[in-house]
C-alpha atoms as a PDB file:
ATOM      1  CA  MET A   1      13.872  17.774   5.805  1.00  0.00           C
ATOM      2  CA  ALA A   2      11.680  15.738   3.520  1.00  0.00           C
ATOM      3  CA  LEU A   3       9.163  16.663   0.848  1.00  0.00           C
ATOM      4  CA  TYR A   4       5.523  15.824   1.614  1.00  0.00           C
ATOM      5  CA  PHE A   5       2.501  15.463  -0.644  1.00  0.00           C
ATOM      6  CA  ILE A   6      -1.204  14.878  -0.109  1.00  0.00           C
ATOM      7  CA  ASP A   7      -3.261  12.580  -2.292  1.00  0.00           C
ATOM      8  CA  THR A   8      -5.933  14.631  -4.071  1.00  0.00           C
ATOM      9  CA  GLU A   9      -8.221  11.597  -4.244  1.00  0.00           C
ATOM     10  CA  LYS A  10      -9.930  10.356  -1.086  1.00  0.00           C
ATOM     11  CA  LYS A  11      -9.146   6.808   0.007  1.00  0.00           C
ATOM     12  CA  GLY A  12     -12.466   5.866   1.590  1.00  0.00           C
ATOM     13  CA  ASP A  13     -12.605   6.484   5.335  1.00  0.00           C
ATOM     14  CA  ALA A  14      -8.894   7.372   5.348  1.00  0.00           C
ATOM     15  CA  GLY A  15      -9.590  10.567   3.418  1.00  0.00           C
ATOM     16  CA  HIS A  16      -6.644  12.223   1.689  1.00  0.00           C
ATOM     17  CA  GLN A  17      -3.390  10.554   2.697  1.00  0.00           C
ATOM     18  CA  VAL A  18      -0.175  12.442   3.440  1.00  0.00           C
ATOM     19  CA  HIS A  19       2.913  10.846   1.846  1.00  0.00           C
ATOM     20  CA  ARG A  20       6.635  11.478   2.067  1.00  0.00           C
ATOM     21  CA  GLU A  21       8.673  11.657  -1.143  1.00  0.00           C
ATOM     22  CA  GLY A  22       9.871   8.167  -2.058  1.00  0.00           C
ATOM     23  CA  CYS A  23       6.941   6.354  -0.431  1.00  0.00           C
ATOM     24  CA  PRO A  24       6.207   3.104  -2.290  1.00  0.00           C
ATOM     25  CA  GLN A  25       2.476   3.928  -2.038  1.00  0.00           C
ATOM     26  CA  LEU A  26       2.899   7.428  -3.512  1.00  0.00           C
ATOM     27  CA  PRO A  27       0.175   8.002  -6.128  1.00  0.00           C
ATOM     28  CA  GLU A  28       0.862   9.274  -9.645  1.00  0.00           C
ATOM     29  CA  LYS A  29       1.998  12.905  -9.926  1.00  0.00           C
ATOM     30  CA  ASP A  30      -1.363  14.044 -11.305  1.00  0.00           C
ATOM     31  CA  GLN A  31      -2.998  12.836  -8.055  1.00  0.00           C
ATOM     32  CA  LEU A  32      -0.665  14.733  -5.712  1.00  0.00           C
ATOM     33  CA  TYR A  33      -0.559  18.198  -4.187  1.00  0.00           C
ATOM     34  CA  PHE A  34       2.737  19.433  -2.747  1.00  0.00           C
ATOM     35  CA  VAL A  35       2.341  20.194   0.966  1.00  0.00           C
ATOM     36  CA  GLY A  36       5.904  21.375   1.626  1.00  0.00           C
ATOM     37  CA  SER A  37       9.249  20.465   3.156  1.00  0.00           C
ATOM     38  CA  PHE A  38       9.035  19.386   6.791  1.00  0.00           C
ATOM     39  CA  ALA A  39      11.233  17.757   9.429  1.00  0.00           C
ATOM     40  CA  THR A  40       8.513  15.281  10.493  1.00  0.00           C
ATOM     41  CA  VAL A  41       5.417  13.638   9.064  1.00  0.00           C
ATOM     42  CA  LYS A  42       3.434  15.155  11.947  1.00  0.00           C
ATOM     43  CA  ALA A  43       4.415  18.669  10.878  1.00  0.00           C
ATOM     44  CA  ALA A  44       3.279  17.920   7.318  1.00  0.00           C
ATOM     45  CA  TYR A  45       0.074  16.346   8.602  1.00  0.00           C
ATOM     46  CA  ASP A  46      -0.746  19.403  10.731  1.00  0.00           C
ATOM     47  CA  VAL A  47      -0.847  21.569   7.584  1.00  0.00           C
ATOM     48  CA  SER A  48      -2.561  19.038   5.295  1.00  0.00           C
ATOM     49  CA  PRO A  49      -6.189  19.446   6.483  1.00  0.00           C
ATOM     50  CA  LEU A  50      -5.944  23.105   5.456  1.00  0.00           C
ATOM     51  CA  ILE A  51      -5.386  21.884   1.878  1.00  0.00           C
ATOM     52  CA  TYR A  52      -7.566  18.738   1.703  1.00  0.00           C
ATOM     53  CA  SER A  53      -9.853  17.484   4.411  1.00  0.00           C
ATOM     54  CA  PRO A  54     -10.185  14.985   5.919  1.00  0.00           C
ATOM     55  CA  ALA A  55      -6.503  14.072   5.917  1.00  0.00           C
ATOM     56  CA  SER A  56      -4.724  11.043   7.344  1.00  0.00           C
ATOM     57  CA  TYR A  57      -1.241   9.601   7.601  1.00  0.00           C
ATOM     58  CA  CYS A  58      -0.066   7.122   4.991  1.00  0.00           C
ATOM     59  CA  PRO A  59       0.520   3.958   7.082  1.00  0.00           C
ATOM     60  CA  GLN A  60       3.787   3.310   5.247  1.00  0.00           C
ATOM     61  CA  CYS A  61       5.189   6.831   5.725  1.00  0.00           C
ATOM     62  CA  SER A  62       4.128   7.214   9.342  1.00  0.00           C
ATOM     63  CA  SER A  63       5.616   3.849  10.351  1.00  0.00           C
ATOM     64  CA  THR A  64       9.012   4.707   8.831  1.00  0.00           C
ATOM     65  CA  ALA A  65       9.112   8.380   9.895  1.00  0.00           C
ATOM     66  CA  ALA A  66      12.116   9.429  11.912  1.00  0.00           C
END
């Protein structure tokens, strides 16, 4: 299980990006909202639009997700 966060600031057309703990593109703590602990980035993403919308995958996190 990994910890996932959503960026509270929109990134243009990408909206609010979902990041996994340890992501090199993870914003500062004051720009993050804790989504929860999930087994996959998809599971975290499925919950994220309920918190901030629109939501999108961080390209870095989604490409390295197991």
